[in-house]
Amino acid sequence: MSQHLGHGPGRAQEFRRDLVAAVTEATGAPATYLLVFGENHPHFHALVTARGEDVPAARHNGDILRLRAEQADPEAATRLVPAVRRAYERLAGVATYPLSA
């Protein structure tokens, strides 16, 4: 998907908006978080995570990161990739690279 970022902050903002919307659509979650953080190097990390109805209030907002140790399910996340991709392509109006998942 990186080829769709284009240049400038406007396209990056569109990418983030479309990706978050695609995850929300694919999961049906009532909330989807985009967490961005950096380190002491010239790069940053981003996490897009859907918060389901089953997530207790104590794990909302930034505390959702605690669920990584409590409820991580990489196989379920991998199964969501095709649905997220389809939603992203529709929302962004672009085709992405072929995925093996």
C-alpha atoms as a PDB file:
ATOM      1  CA  MET A   1       0.000   0.000   0.000  1.00  0.00           C
ATOM      2  CA  SER A   2       2.952   2.322   0.403  1.00  0.00           C
ATOM      3  CA  GLN A   3       2.869   3.236  -3.281  1.00  0.00           C
ATOM      4  CA  HIS A   4      -0.461   4.973  -2.590  1.00  0.00           C
ATOM      5  CA  LEU A   5       0.925   7.364   0.006  1.00  0.00           C
ATOM      6  CA  GLY A   6       2.004   9.808  -2.674  1.00  0.00           C
ATOM      7  CA  HIS A   7       3.720  12.964  -1.563  1.00  0.00           C
ATOM      8  CA  GLY A   8       2.764  15.471   1.064  1.00  0.00           C
ATOM      9  CA  PRO A   9       0.744  15.374   4.258  1.00  0.00           C
ATOM     10  CA  GLY A  10      -2.622  15.396   2.451  1.00  0.00           C
ATOM     11  CA  ARG A  11      -2.130  11.972   0.856  1.00  0.00           C
ATOM     12  CA  ALA A  12      -0.772  10.474   4.065  1.00  0.00           C
ATOM     13  CA  GLN A  13      -3.862  11.759   5.873  1.00  0.00           C
ATOM     14  CA  GLU A  14      -6.110  10.153   3.245  1.00  0.00           C
ATOM     15  CA  PHE A  15      -4.221   6.869   3.591  1.00  0.00           C
ATOM     16  CA  ARG A  16      -4.678   6.858   7.370  1.00  0.00           C
ATOM     17  CA  ARG A  17      -8.365   7.747   7.060  1.00  0.00           C
ATOM     18  CA  ASP A  18      -9.015   5.044   4.466  1.00  0.00           C
ATOM     19  CA  LEU A  19      -7.049   2.368   6.322  1.00  0.00           C
ATOM     20  CA  VAL A  20      -8.811   3.040   9.639  1.00  0.00           C
ATOM     21  CA  ALA A  21     -12.191   3.030   7.864  1.00  0.00           C
ATOM     22  CA  ALA A  22     -11.314  -0.254   6.124  1.00  0.00           C
ATOM     23  CA  VAL A  23     -10.379  -1.941   9.417  1.00  0.00           C
ATOM     24  CA  THR A  24     -13.591  -0.641  11.000  1.00  0.00           C
ATOM     25  CA  GLU A  25     -15.658  -1.945   8.093  1.00  0.00           C
ATOM     26  CA  ALA A  26     -13.966  -5.345   7.962  1.00  0.00           C
ATOM     27  CA  THR A  27     -14.250  -5.958  11.694  1.00  0.00           C
ATOM     28  CA  GLY A  28     -17.558  -4.256  12.439  1.00  0.00           C
ATOM     29  CA  ALA A  29     -15.916  -2.802  15.536  1.00  0.00           C
ATOM     30  CA  PRO A  30     -17.548   0.148  17.296  1.00  0.00           C
ATOM     31  CA  ALA A  31     -14.148   1.876  17.509  1.00  0.00           C
ATOM     32  CA  THR A  32     -10.850   1.647  15.678  1.00  0.00           C
ATOM     33  CA  TYR A  33      -7.697   3.212  17.023  1.00  0.00           C
ATOM     34  CA  LEU A  34      -4.705   4.555  15.138  1.00  0.00           C
ATOM     35  CA  LEU A  35      -1.757   4.788  17.502  1.00  0.00           C
ATOM     36  CA  VAL A  36       1.436   6.371  16.198  1.00  0.00           C
ATOM     37  CA  PHE A  37       4.646   6.544  18.163  1.00  0.00           C
ATOM     38  CA  GLY A  38       8.305   7.145  17.518  1.00  0.00           C
ATOM     39  CA  GLU A  39      11.620   6.228  18.966  1.00  0.00           C
ATOM     40  CA  ASN A  40      15.035   7.808  18.991  1.00  0.00           C
ATOM     41  CA  HIS A  41      15.471   7.070  15.289  1.00  0.00           C
ATOM     42  CA  PRO A  42      14.164   8.844  12.165  1.00  0.00           C
ATOM     43  CA  HIS A  43      11.131   6.583  11.748  1.00  0.00           C
ATOM     44  CA  PHE A  44       7.825   5.931  13.421  1.00  0.00           C
ATOM     45  CA  HIS A  45       5.535   3.025  14.171  1.00  0.00           C
ATOM     46  CA  ALA A  46       1.792   2.859  13.618  1.00  0.00           C
ATOM     47  CA  LEU A  47      -0.766   0.445  14.982  1.00  0.00           C
ATOM     48  CA  VAL A  48      -4.310   0.217  13.667  1.00  0.00           C
ATOM     49  CA  THR A  49      -6.451  -1.826  16.015  1.00  0.00           C
ATOM     50  CA  ALA A  50     -10.174  -2.443  16.201  1.00  0.00           C
ATOM     51  CA  ARG A  51     -11.858  -2.396  19.605  1.00  0.00           C
ATOM     52  CA  GLY A  52     -14.685  -4.894  19.753  1.00  0.00           C
ATOM     53  CA  GLU A  53     -17.786  -4.750  21.930  1.00  0.00           C
ATOM     54  CA  ASP A  54     -16.203  -7.390  24.169  1.00  0.00           C
ATOM     55  CA  VAL A  55     -13.286  -5.170  25.212  1.00  0.00           C
ATOM     56  CA  PRO A  56     -13.854  -3.955  28.777  1.00  0.00           C
ATOM     57  CA  ALA A  57     -13.781  -0.220  29.536  1.00  0.00           C
ATOM     58  CA  ALA A  58     -10.528  -0.734  31.454  1.00  0.00           C
ATOM     59  CA  ARG A  59      -8.889  -1.597  28.107  1.00  0.00           C
ATOM     60  CA  HIS A  60     -10.215   1.337  26.052  1.00  0.00           C
ATOM     61  CA  ASN A  61      -7.992   4.084  24.645  1.00  0.00           C
ATOM     62  CA  GLY A  62      -4.257   3.535  25.171  1.00  0.00           C
ATOM     63  CA  ASP A  63      -4.867   0.638  27.535  1.00  0.00           C
ATOM     64  CA  ILE A  64      -5.928  -1.430  24.526  1.00  0.00           C
ATOM     65  CA  LEU A  65      -2.208  -2.160  24.114  1.00  0.00           C
ATOM     66  CA  ARG A  66      -2.413  -4.396  27.194  1.00  0.00           C
ATOM     67  CA  LEU A  67      -4.611  -6.764  25.188  1.00  0.00           C
ATOM     68  CA  ARG A  68      -1.580  -7.805  23.156  1.00  0.00           C
ATOM     69  CA  ALA A  69      -0.489 -10.045  25.989  1.00  0.00           C
ATOM     70  CA  GLU A  70      -4.029 -10.945  27.037  1.00  0.00           C
ATOM     71  CA  GLN A  71      -5.844 -11.674  23.764  1.00  0.00           C
ATOM     72  CA  ALA A  72      -3.507 -11.608  20.757  1.00  0.00           C
ATOM     73  CA  ASP A  73      -4.761 -13.812  17.916  1.00  0.00           C
ATOM     74  CA  PRO A  74      -2.408 -13.528  14.903  1.00  0.00           C
ATOM     75  CA  GLU A  75      -4.327 -16.192  12.959  1.00  0.00           C
ATOM     76  CA  ALA A  76      -7.622 -14.306  13.290  1.00  0.00           C
ATOM     77  CA  ALA A  77      -5.875 -11.086  12.288  1.00  0.00           C
ATOM     78  CA  THR A  78      -4.439 -12.774   9.206  1.00  0.00           C
ATOM     79  CA  ARG A  79      -7.899 -14.007   8.212  1.00  0.00           C
ATOM     80  CA  LEU A  80      -9.096 -10.370   8.227  1.00  0.00           C
ATOM     81  CA  VAL A  81      -6.481  -9.225   5.695  1.00  0.00           C
ATOM     82  CA  PRO A  82      -8.535  -9.943   2.532  1.00  0.00           C
ATOM     83  CA  ALA A  83     -11.601  -8.094   3.888  1.00  0.00           C
ATOM     84  CA  VAL A  84      -9.503  -5.116   5.004  1.00  0.00           C
ATOM     85  CA  ARG A  85      -7.808  -5.045   1.618  1.00  0.00           C
ATOM     86  CA  ARG A  86     -11.117  -5.075  -0.288  1.00  0.00           C
ATOM     87  CA  ALA A  87     -12.534  -2.323   1.908  1.00  0.00           C
ATOM     88  CA  TYR A  88      -9.365  -0.239   1.550  1.00  0.00           C
ATOM     89  CA  GLU A  89      -9.325  -0.586  -2.228  1.00  0.00           C
ATOM     90  CA  ARG A  90     -12.967   0.483  -2.427  1.00  0.00           C
ATOM     91  CA  LEU A  91     -12.588   3.396  -0.021  1.00  0.00           C
ATOM     92  CA  ALA A  92      -9.326   4.656  -1.517  1.00  0.00           C
ATOM     93  CA  GLY A  93     -10.282   3.921  -5.109  1.00  0.00           C
ATOM     94  CA  VAL A  94      -7.015   2.078  -5.797  1.00  0.00           C
ATOM     95  CA  ALA A  95      -5.727  -1.451  -6.280  1.00  0.00           C
ATOM     96  CA  THR A  96      -3.040  -2.647  -3.886  1.00  0.00           C
ATOM     97  CA  TYR A  97      -0.167  -5.041  -4.347  1.00  0.00           C
ATOM     98  CA  PRO A  98      -1.177  -8.721  -4.487  1.00  0.00           C
ATOM     99  CA  LEU A  99      -1.141 -10.306  -1.059  1.00  0.00           C
ATOM    100  CA  SER A 100      -0.367 -13.913  -0.286  1.00  0.00           C
ATOM    101  CA  ALA A 101      -2.932 -14.022   2.557  1.00  0.00           C
END
